[in-house]
Amino acid sequence: MKIKLYSLIALLAGAASLASCINKEESADAVYARDVAAIDDYIQNSSLTNVKEYNDPVYGIRIIWQEVSASGIPVELGDTLRVDYTGKLLSDKVFDTSIESVAVDNNIFSSGRNYIPLRFRIGLGALIFGFEYGAAQMEQGDKATVFIPSESGYGRNANGDIPANSPLIFELDLIEVVPGPTE
C-alpha cells in the first residue's frame, strides 16, 4: 500500500513538474507577444523622429534612428564603444542615464556618480543583450532609440526600479567606436 501511495505521489509530482515547464514556455510566449504589442503601441502613439528603422524578427528588438551619421564607422565584435544613453520604461519613467541633466530632470540624480558616456567592449555580454544588440546595429555618430522586449532585457527578474517582465527603451548616442583586435 505504501509503495502505491509513494508511486502515486511521485507520478503527481512529475506531472506537476512537467505542467509547470509547459506553462513557463507558454507564459514566455505570452510575455513576448504582450511586450511586442506594447512596444508597437508605444511607437504608434509617440512622436518619435524616424529617419531609419530596423525590426528584428527573432528577438523583437526595434531600433528607430533619430540621426544617421553616415560616418562609415560601423560597430564590429570586439570594438570598444562610448555611448551616452537614457533608459526608461514604456511609461516613460527614466530609470538610468549617463547624462547628468536627464538624471536631474527625472529625479534620479546621484551626487556620488560620474555622469559620463558608458564605455564597454561589444560582445562580452557585460550589458543586457538588447542594449548591446541595438548598439551593434549603429555607426559612430548615430542617435537611435532601441525598444527591447523583456526577455532581451532583465526578463523575469526585477532590477532596481525595473519590474520583472518589463520592455525597455534605450535612447542611444553612439559617440565613439574604437576598433578592437583584428583576429
Protein backbone atom coordinates (compact mmCIF):
# COMPACT_ATOMS: atom_id res chain seq x y z
CA MET A 1 0.00 0.00 0.00
CA LYS A 2 2.84 2.40 0.88
CA ILE A 3 4.54 1.68 -2.44
CA LYS A 4 1.33 2.53 -4.36
CA LEU A 5 0.93 5.74 -2.36
CA TYR A 6 4.54 6.79 -2.98
CA SER A 7 4.19 5.90 -6.66
CA LEU A 8 1.04 8.00 -6.91
CA ILE A 9 2.73 10.95 -5.17
CA ALA A 10 5.79 10.65 -7.44
CA LEU A 11 3.55 10.47 -10.51
CA LEU A 12 1.59 13.55 -9.43
CA ALA A 13 4.79 15.47 -8.62
CA GLY A 14 6.23 14.56 -12.02
CA ALA A 15 3.05 15.64 -13.80
CA ALA A 16 3.01 18.93 -11.89
CA SER A 17 6.65 19.47 -12.76
CA LEU A 18 6.00 18.80 -16.44
CA ALA A 19 2.93 21.03 -16.46
CA SER A 20 4.88 23.87 -14.89
CA CYS A 21 7.52 23.61 -17.64
CA ILE A 22 4.86 23.80 -20.32
CA ASN A 23 3.19 26.74 -18.60
CA LYS A 24 6.51 28.56 -18.33
CA GLU A 25 7.06 28.18 -22.08
CA GLU A 26 3.53 29.34 -22.82
CA SER A 27 3.96 32.14 -20.37
CA ALA A 28 7.26 33.20 -22.02
CA ASP A 29 5.49 33.27 -25.39
CA ALA A 30 2.62 35.25 -23.89
CA VAL A 31 5.01 37.74 -22.26
CA TYR A 32 6.89 38.15 -25.56
CA ALA A 33 3.65 38.73 -27.50
CA ARG A 34 2.47 41.25 -24.89
CA ASP A 35 5.85 43.04 -25.00
CA VAL A 36 5.89 43.30 -28.80
CA ALA A 37 2.30 44.59 -28.83
CA ALA A 38 3.09 47.15 -26.11
CA ILE A 39 6.20 48.33 -27.99
CA ASP A 40 4.19 48.63 -31.24
CA ASP A 41 1.52 50.62 -29.41
CA TYR A 42 4.11 52.91 -27.82
CA ILE A 43 5.77 53.61 -31.18
CA GLN A 44 2.46 54.28 -32.95
CA ASN A 45 1.41 56.74 -30.25
CA SER A 46 4.72 58.56 -29.98
CA SER A 47 6.06 61.49 -31.94
CA LEU A 48 9.48 59.88 -32.29
CA THR A 49 11.53 61.18 -35.20
CA ASN A 50 12.13 58.30 -37.59
CA VAL A 51 14.79 58.56 -40.29
CA LYS A 52 15.57 54.84 -40.40
CA GLU A 53 14.08 51.76 -38.77
CA TYR A 54 15.05 48.16 -38.10
CA ASN A 55 12.83 45.44 -36.64
CA ASP A 56 14.49 42.16 -35.65
CA PRO A 57 12.03 39.34 -36.39
CA VAL A 58 13.66 36.89 -33.95
CA TYR A 59 14.23 38.98 -30.82
CA GLY A 60 11.52 41.59 -31.40
CA ILE A 61 14.06 44.37 -30.84
CA ARG A 62 13.15 47.54 -32.74
CA ILE A 63 15.55 50.34 -33.50
CA ILE A 64 14.43 53.74 -34.71
CA TRP A 65 17.14 56.18 -35.71
CA GLN A 66 16.68 59.87 -34.99
CA GLU A 67 20.00 60.71 -36.69
CA VAL A 68 22.07 58.71 -39.15
CA SER A 69 25.63 59.98 -39.23
CA ALA A 70 26.80 58.18 -42.39
CA SER A 71 30.22 58.13 -40.72
CA GLY A 72 31.02 54.78 -42.28
CA ILE A 73 32.36 53.58 -38.92
CA PRO A 74 30.27 50.52 -38.05
CA VAL A 75 30.44 48.50 -34.86
CA GLU A 76 32.35 45.23 -35.06
CA LEU A 77 32.62 42.46 -32.49
CA GLY A 78 35.37 43.38 -30.00
CA ASP A 79 35.17 47.15 -30.60
CA THR A 80 35.00 49.45 -27.61
CA LEU A 81 32.07 51.85 -27.68
CA ARG A 82 31.40 55.12 -25.88
CA VAL A 83 27.67 55.71 -25.63
CA ASP A 84 25.51 58.32 -23.94
CA TYR A 85 22.22 56.68 -23.02
CA THR A 86 18.91 57.09 -21.26
CA GLY A 87 17.00 54.00 -20.17
CA LYS A 88 13.29 54.10 -19.48
CA LEU A 89 10.17 52.00 -19.22
CA LEU A 90 7.25 52.18 -21.67
CA SER A 91 5.60 54.51 -19.14
CA ASP A 92 8.45 56.95 -19.97
CA LYS A 93 9.78 56.62 -16.41
CA VAL A 94 13.57 57.08 -16.64
CA PHE A 95 15.47 54.51 -14.58
CA ASP A 96 19.07 55.25 -15.62
CA THR A 97 21.11 57.66 -17.72
CA SER A 98 24.67 58.71 -18.39
CA ILE A 99 23.55 62.33 -18.80
CA GLU A 100 23.52 64.47 -15.66
CA SER A 101 20.81 66.90 -16.82
CA VAL A 102 18.48 63.99 -17.65
CA ALA A 103 19.11 62.48 -14.19
CA VAL A 104 18.32 65.82 -12.52
CA ASP A 105 15.17 66.36 -14.63
CA ASN A 106 13.89 62.87 -13.74
CA ASN A 107 14.74 62.94 -10.02
CA ILE A 108 17.28 60.10 -10.23
CA PHE A 109 20.41 62.24 -9.79
CA SER A 110 23.08 60.79 -7.50
CA SER A 111 25.82 63.16 -6.34
CA GLY A 112 28.26 60.27 -5.96
CA ARG A 113 28.01 59.23 -9.60
CA ASN A 114 30.09 60.48 -12.52
CA TYR A 115 27.75 61.17 -15.42
CA ILE A 116 29.92 60.24 -18.37
CA PRO A 117 29.30 58.16 -21.50
CA LEU A 118 29.24 54.41 -20.92
CA ARG A 119 32.35 52.69 -22.21
CA PHE A 120 32.13 48.97 -22.99
CA ARG A 121 33.50 46.34 -25.33
CA ILE A 122 30.88 44.89 -27.65
CA GLY A 123 30.34 41.15 -27.50
CA LEU A 124 31.49 40.45 -23.94
CA GLY A 125 27.93 40.22 -22.62
CA ALA A 126 28.63 42.71 -19.83
CA LEU A 127 25.35 44.51 -20.54
CA ILE A 128 21.85 43.27 -21.22
CA PHE A 129 21.54 41.63 -24.61
CA GLY A 130 19.10 44.14 -26.11
CA PHE A 131 21.32 47.13 -25.29
CA GLU A 132 24.41 45.57 -26.90
CA TYR A 133 22.40 44.30 -29.86
CA GLY A 134 20.95 47.75 -30.50
CA ALA A 135 24.32 49.50 -30.21
CA ALA A 136 25.87 46.92 -32.56
CA GLN A 137 23.45 47.95 -35.35
CA MET A 138 24.62 51.58 -35.24
CA GLU A 139 27.54 53.56 -36.67
CA GLN A 140 29.64 56.12 -34.87
CA GLY A 141 27.65 59.35 -34.61
CA ASP A 142 24.21 57.72 -34.91
CA LYS A 143 21.41 58.52 -32.47
CA ALA A 144 18.71 55.89 -32.10
CA THR A 145 16.03 54.60 -29.78
CA VAL A 146 16.13 50.88 -29.07
CA PHE A 147 12.96 49.07 -27.95
CA ILE A 148 13.70 45.84 -26.11
CA PRO A 149 11.21 43.11 -25.16
CA SER A 150 11.71 41.99 -21.57
CA GLU A 151 13.36 38.68 -22.50
CA SER A 152 16.25 40.60 -24.11
CA GLY A 153 16.39 42.91 -21.08
CA TYR A 154 16.09 41.73 -17.49
CA GLY A 155 13.46 39.08 -18.24
CA ARG A 156 11.63 37.67 -15.26
CA ASN A 157 13.98 39.41 -12.83
CA ALA A 158 13.25 42.79 -11.33
CA ASN A 159 16.28 45.09 -11.25
CA GLY A 160 16.10 48.17 -9.04
CA ASP A 161 13.23 50.32 -10.31
CA ILE A 162 12.64 47.96 -13.25
CA PRO A 163 9.82 45.47 -12.60
CA ALA A 164 10.07 41.89 -13.85
CA ASN A 165 8.93 41.32 -17.46
CA SER A 166 9.36 44.97 -18.44
CA PRO A 167 10.03 46.02 -22.02
CA LEU A 168 12.75 48.68 -22.06
CA ILE A 169 13.60 51.74 -24.12
CA PHE A 170 17.14 53.00 -24.53
CA GLU A 171 17.94 56.27 -26.26
CA LEU A 172 21.50 55.83 -27.55
CA ASP A 173 24.00 58.34 -28.86
CA LEU A 174 26.98 56.38 -30.21
CA ILE A 175 29.80 58.84 -29.61
CA GLU A 176 32.81 56.72 -30.48
CA VAL A 177 33.79 53.34 -31.89
CA VAL A 178 37.35 52.27 -31.08
CA PRO A 179 38.37 49.28 -33.20
CA GLY A 180 39.10 46.12 -31.26
CA PRO A 181 41.69 43.50 -32.04
CA THR A 182 41.56 42.13 -35.57
CA GLU A 183 41.87 38.37 -35.38
